[in-house]
Amino acid sequence: MQRVKKILLWVLVAFAAYAIFTSPNQAADIVRTSGSILVDGGKSIGSFFDALLGR
């Protein structure tokens, strides 16, 4: 099972490298969008706990 995980990790890394080299603009857009989603999610969680604690 460990060997399968290692192979899948290398396949994922190879695919990511291929995607970045073939279309760097789209890869950059995906990274920006993912970062924006994570930031918005963190802010939403913070707002939720602020409301929950009555701040």
PDB file of N, CA and C in Angstrom:
ATOM      1  N   MET A   1       0.823  -1.192   0.000  1.00  0.00           N
ATOM      2  CA  MET A   1       0.000   0.000   0.000  1.00  0.00           C
ATOM      3  C   MET A   1       0.869   1.258   0.000  1.00  0.00           C
ATOM      4  N   GLN A   2       1.966   1.237   0.718  1.00  0.00           N
ATOM      5  CA  GLN A   2       2.872   2.387   0.767  1.00  0.00           C
ATOM      6  C   GLN A   2       3.428   2.687  -0.623  1.00  0.00           C
ATOM      7  N   ARG A   3       3.710   1.648  -1.372  1.00  0.00           N
ATOM      8  CA  ARG A   3       4.252   1.823  -2.723  1.00  0.00           C
ATOM      9  C   ARG A   3       3.228   2.479  -3.641  1.00  0.00           C
ATOM     10  N   VAL A   4       1.971   2.104  -3.501  1.00  0.00           N
ATOM     11  CA  VAL A   4       0.902   2.696  -4.314  1.00  0.00           C
ATOM     12  C   VAL A   4       0.781   4.185  -4.008  1.00  0.00           C
ATOM     13  N   LYS A   5       0.839   4.551  -2.736  1.00  0.00           N
ATOM     14  CA  LYS A   5       0.753   5.962  -2.350  1.00  0.00           C
ATOM     15  C   LYS A   5       1.909   6.753  -2.949  1.00  0.00           C
ATOM     16  N   LYS A   6       3.092   6.165  -2.937  1.00  0.00           N
ATOM     17  CA  LYS A   6       4.271   6.840  -3.471  1.00  0.00           C
ATOM     18  C   LYS A   6       4.133   7.047  -4.982  1.00  0.00           C
ATOM     19  N   ILE A   7       3.640   6.043  -5.673  1.00  0.00           N
ATOM     20  CA  ILE A   7       3.435   6.147  -7.118  1.00  0.00           C
ATOM     21  C   ILE A   7       2.384   7.201  -7.434  1.00  0.00           C
ATOM     22  N   LEU A   8       1.278   7.189  -6.699  1.00  0.00           N
ATOM     23  CA  LEU A   8       0.232   8.182  -6.928  1.00  0.00           C
ATOM     24  C   LEU A   8       0.723   9.599  -6.654  1.00  0.00           C
ATOM     25  N   LEU A   9       1.561   9.761  -5.646  1.00  0.00           N
ATOM     26  CA  LEU A   9       2.126  11.074  -5.352  1.00  0.00           C
ATOM     27  C   LEU A   9       2.983  11.556  -6.512  1.00  0.00           C
ATOM     28  N   TRP A  10       3.815  10.673  -7.065  1.00  0.00           N
ATOM     29  CA  TRP A  10       4.656  11.053  -8.194  1.00  0.00           C
ATOM     30  C   TRP A  10       3.827  11.374  -9.430  1.00  0.00           C
ATOM     31  N   VAL A  11       2.747  10.642  -9.645  1.00  0.00           N
ATOM     32  CA  VAL A  11       1.861  10.927 -10.775  1.00  0.00           C
ATOM     33  C   VAL A  11       1.219  12.301 -10.592  1.00  0.00           C
ATOM     34  N   LEU A  12       0.805  12.612  -9.383  1.00  0.00           N
ATOM     35  CA  LEU A  12       0.211  13.917  -9.105  1.00  0.00           C
ATOM     36  C   LEU A  12       1.216  15.041  -9.315  1.00  0.00           C
ATOM     37  N   VAL A  13       2.434  14.855  -8.855  1.00  0.00           N
ATOM     38  CA  VAL A  13       3.485  15.864  -9.037  1.00  0.00           C
ATOM     39  C   VAL A  13       3.788  16.043 -10.525  1.00  0.00           C
ATOM     40  N   ALA A  14       3.869  14.949 -11.258  1.00  0.00           N
ATOM     41  CA  ALA A  14       4.138  15.032 -12.698  1.00  0.00           C
ATOM     42  C   ALA A  14       3.006  15.754 -13.425  1.00  0.00           C
ATOM     43  N   PHE A  15       1.773  15.471 -13.052  1.00  0.00           N
ATOM     44  CA  PHE A  15       0.634  16.146 -13.678  1.00  0.00           C
ATOM     45  C   PHE A  15       0.644  17.639 -13.365  1.00  0.00           C
ATOM     46  N   ALA A  16       0.942  18.002 -12.120  1.00  0.00           N
ATOM     47  CA  ALA A  16       0.995  19.415 -11.746  1.00  0.00           C
ATOM     48  C   ALA A  16       2.095  20.130 -12.531  1.00  0.00           C
ATOM     49  N   ALA A  17       3.258  19.509 -12.663  1.00  0.00           N
ATOM     50  CA  ALA A  17       4.348  20.113 -13.429  1.00  0.00           C
ATOM     51  C   ALA A  17       3.945  20.270 -14.895  1.00  0.00           C
ATOM     52  N   TYR A  18       3.308  19.267 -15.461  1.00  0.00           N
ATOM     53  CA  TYR A  18       2.844  19.339 -16.847  1.00  0.00           C
ATOM     54  C   TYR A  18       1.837  20.474 -17.012  1.00  0.00           C
ATOM     55  N   ALA A  19       0.894  20.587 -16.098  1.00  0.00           N
ATOM     56  CA  ALA A  19      -0.120  21.632 -16.191  1.00  0.00           C
ATOM     57  C   ALA A  19       0.499  23.017 -16.080  1.00  0.00           C
ATOM     58  N   ILE A  20       1.476  23.168 -15.213  1.00  0.00           N
ATOM     59  CA  ILE A  20       2.128  24.472 -15.037  1.00  0.00           C
ATOM     60  C   ILE A  20       2.932  24.848 -16.282  1.00  0.00           C
ATOM     61  N   PHE A  21       3.664  23.899 -16.848  1.00  0.00           N
ATOM     62  CA  PHE A  21       4.503  24.209 -18.007  1.00  0.00           C
ATOM     63  C   PHE A  21       3.697  24.408 -19.285  1.00  0.00           C
ATOM     64  N   THR A  22       2.564  23.732 -19.423  1.00  0.00           N
ATOM     65  CA  THR A  22       1.788  23.874 -20.655  1.00  0.00           C
ATOM     66  C   THR A  22       0.887  25.098 -20.642  1.00  0.00           C
ATOM     67  N   SER A  23       0.399  25.498 -19.478  1.00  0.00           N
ATOM     68  CA  SER A  23      -0.456  26.695 -19.414  1.00  0.00           C
ATOM     69  C   SER A  23      -0.230  27.413 -18.088  1.00  0.00           C
ATOM     70  N   PRO A  24       0.843  28.179 -18.009  1.00  0.00           N
ATOM     71  CA  PRO A  24       1.174  28.841 -16.741  1.00  0.00           C
ATOM     72  C   PRO A  24       0.150  29.889 -16.308  1.00  0.00           C
ATOM     73  N   ASN A  25      -0.506  30.549 -17.262  1.00  0.00           N
ATOM     74  CA  ASN A  25      -1.498  31.565 -16.897  1.00  0.00           C
ATOM     75  C   ASN A  25      -2.704  30.933 -16.210  1.00  0.00           C
ATOM     76  N   GLN A  26      -3.176  29.827 -16.744  1.00  0.00           N
ATOM     77  CA  GLN A  26      -4.305  29.141 -16.116  1.00  0.00           C
ATOM     78  C   GLN A  26      -3.913  28.564 -14.762  1.00  0.00           C
ATOM     79  N   ALA A  27      -2.702  28.062 -14.636  1.00  0.00           N
ATOM     80  CA  ALA A  27      -2.239  27.530 -13.356  1.00  0.00           C
ATOM     81  C   ALA A  27      -2.176  28.641 -12.312  1.00  0.00           C
ATOM     82  N   ALA A  28      -1.714  29.822 -12.712  1.00  0.00           N
ATOM     83  CA  ALA A  28      -1.660  30.956 -11.792  1.00  0.00           C
ATOM     84  C   ALA A  28      -3.065  31.383 -11.371  1.00  0.00           C
ATOM     85  N   ASP A  29      -4.001  31.364 -12.312  1.00  0.00           N
ATOM     86  CA  ASP A  29      -5.387  31.705 -11.974  1.00  0.00           C
ATOM     87  C   ASP A  29      -5.973  30.723 -10.972  1.00  0.00           C
ATOM     88  N   ILE A  30      -5.664  29.450 -11.134  1.00  0.00           N
ATOM     89  CA  ILE A  30      -6.165  28.431 -10.210  1.00  0.00           C
ATOM     90  C   ILE A  30      -5.600  28.661  -8.813  1.00  0.00           C
ATOM     91  N   VAL A  31      -4.308  28.980  -8.737  1.00  0.00           N
ATOM     92  CA  VAL A  31      -3.686  29.227  -7.431  1.00  0.00           C
ATOM     93  C   VAL A  31      -4.300  30.465  -6.777  1.00  0.00           C
ATOM     94  N   ARG A  32      -4.490  31.545  -7.555  1.00  0.00           N
ATOM     95  CA  ARG A  32      -5.107  32.765  -7.007  1.00  0.00           C
ATOM     96  C   ARG A  32      -6.524  32.489  -6.508  1.00  0.00           C
ATOM     97  N   THR A  33      -7.294  31.766  -7.296  1.00  0.00           N
ATOM     98  CA  THR A  33      -8.672  31.458  -6.919  1.00  0.00           C
ATOM     99  C   THR A  33      -8.704  30.589  -5.666  1.00  0.00           C
ATOM    100  N   SER A  34      -7.826  29.595  -5.602  1.00  0.00           N
ATOM    101  CA  SER A  34      -7.773  28.722  -4.423  1.00  0.00           C
ATOM    102  C   SER A  34      -7.400  29.514  -3.174  1.00  0.00           C
ATOM    103  N   GLY A  35      -6.436  30.403  -3.304  1.00  0.00           N
ATOM    104  CA  GLY A  35      -6.051  31.244  -2.171  1.00  0.00           C
ATOM    105  C   GLY A  35      -7.184  32.132  -1.718  1.00  0.00           C
ATOM    106  N   SER A  36      -7.901  32.692  -2.679  1.00  0.00           N
ATOM    107  CA  SER A  36      -9.039  33.547  -2.350  1.00  0.00           C
ATOM    108  C   SER A  36     -10.128  32.754  -1.625  1.00  0.00           C
ATOM    109  N   ILE A  37     -10.372  31.550  -2.073  1.00  0.00           N
ATOM    110  CA  ILE A  37     -11.383  30.699  -1.429  1.00  0.00           C
ATOM    111  C   ILE A  37     -10.977  30.389   0.005  1.00  0.00           C
ATOM    112  N   LEU A  38      -9.704  30.078   0.218  1.00  0.00           N
ATOM    113  CA  LEU A  38      -9.224  29.765   1.573  1.00  0.00           C
ATOM    114  C   LEU A  38      -9.328  30.986   2.492  1.00  0.00           C
ATOM    115  N   VAL A  39      -8.967  32.166   1.987  1.00  0.00           N
ATOM    116  CA  VAL A  39      -9.049  33.385   2.793  1.00  0.00           C
ATOM    117  C   VAL A  39     -10.496  33.691   3.141  1.00  0.00           C
ATOM    118  N   ASP A  40     -11.389  33.606   2.158  1.00  0.00           N
ATOM    119  CA  ASP A  40     -12.802  33.871   2.415  1.00  0.00           C
ATOM    120  C   ASP A  40     -13.386  32.863   3.404  1.00  0.00           C
ATOM    121  N   GLY A  41     -12.977  31.611   3.279  1.00  0.00           N
ATOM    122  CA  GLY A  41     -13.448  30.591   4.219  1.00  0.00           C
ATOM    123  C   GLY A  41     -12.977  30.872   5.631  1.00  0.00           C
ATOM    124  N   GLY A  42     -11.728  31.287   5.778  1.00  0.00           N
ATOM    125  CA  GLY A  42     -11.206  31.634   7.105  1.00  0.00           C
ATOM    126  C   GLY A  42     -11.940  32.811   7.711  1.00  0.00           C
ATOM    127  N   LYS A  43     -12.220  33.822   6.890  1.00  0.00           N
ATOM    128  CA  LYS A  43     -12.972  34.981   7.385  1.00  0.00           C
ATOM    129  C   LYS A  43     -14.381  34.581   7.806  1.00  0.00           C
ATOM    130  N   SER A  44     -14.999  33.707   7.030  1.00  0.00           N
ATOM    131  CA  SER A  44     -16.356  33.260   7.362  1.00  0.00           C
ATOM    132  C   SER A  44     -16.378  32.471   8.664  1.00  0.00           C
ATOM    133  N   ILE A  45     -15.400  31.629   8.864  1.00  0.00           N
ATOM    134  CA  ILE A  45     -15.320  30.856  10.112  1.00  0.00           C
ATOM    135  C   ILE A  45     -15.104  31.798  11.288  1.00  0.00           C
ATOM    136  N   GLY A  46     -14.245  32.796  11.102  1.00  0.00           N
ATOM    137  CA  GLY A  46     -14.033  33.791  12.151  1.00  0.00           C
ATOM    138  C   GLY A  46     -15.295  34.560  12.480  1.00  0.00           C
ATOM    139  N   SER A  47     -16.039  34.958  11.462  1.00  0.00           N
ATOM    140  CA  SER A  47     -17.307  35.665  11.679  1.00  0.00           C
ATOM    141  C   SER A  47     -18.313  34.785  12.406  1.00  0.00           C
ATOM    142  N   PHE A  48     -18.337  33.509  12.052  1.00  0.00           N
ATOM    143  CA  PHE A  48     -19.247  32.577  12.707  1.00  0.00           C
ATOM    144  C   PHE A  48     -18.961  32.481  14.202  1.00  0.00           C
ATOM    145  N   PHE A  49     -17.678  32.310  14.546  1.00  0.00           N
ATOM    146  CA  PHE A  49     -17.346  32.177  15.963  1.00  0.00           C
ATOM    147  C   PHE A  49     -17.530  33.495  16.698  1.00  0.00           C
ATOM    148  N   ASP A  50     -17.287  34.627  16.041  1.00  0.00           N
ATOM    149  CA  ASP A  50     -17.575  35.925  16.661  1.00  0.00           C
ATOM    150  C   ASP A  50     -19.059  36.056  16.984  1.00  0.00           C
ATOM    151  N   ALA A  51     -19.915  35.657  16.037  1.00  0.00           N
ATOM    152  CA  ALA A  51     -21.357  35.716  16.263  1.00  0.00           C
ATOM    153  C   ALA A  51     -21.779  34.729  17.328  1.00  0.00           C
ATOM    154  N   LEU A  52     -21.150  33.568  17.325  1.00  0.00           N
ATOM    155  CA  LEU A  52     -21.472  32.547  18.320  1.00  0.00           C
ATOM    156  C   LEU A  52     -21.125  33.003  19.735  1.00  0.00           C
ATOM    157  N   LEU A  53     -20.019  33.720  19.865  1.00  0.00           N
ATOM    158  CA  LEU A  53     -19.584  34.202  21.176  1.00  0.00           C
ATOM    159  C   LEU A  53     -20.197  35.554  21.532  1.00  0.00           C
ATOM    160  N   GLY A  54     -20.954  36.127  20.606  1.00  0.00           N
ATOM    161  CA  GLY A  54     -21.652  37.374  20.892  1.00  0.00           C
ATOM    162  C   GLY A  54     -20.765  38.599  20.880  1.00  0.00           C
ATOM    163  N   ARG A  55     -19.751  38.607  20.050  1.00  0.00           N
ATOM    164  CA  ARG A  55     -18.853  39.755  19.951  1.00  0.00           C
ATOM    165  C   ARG A  55     -19.349  40.739  18.947  1.00  0.00           C
TER     166      ARG A  55
END
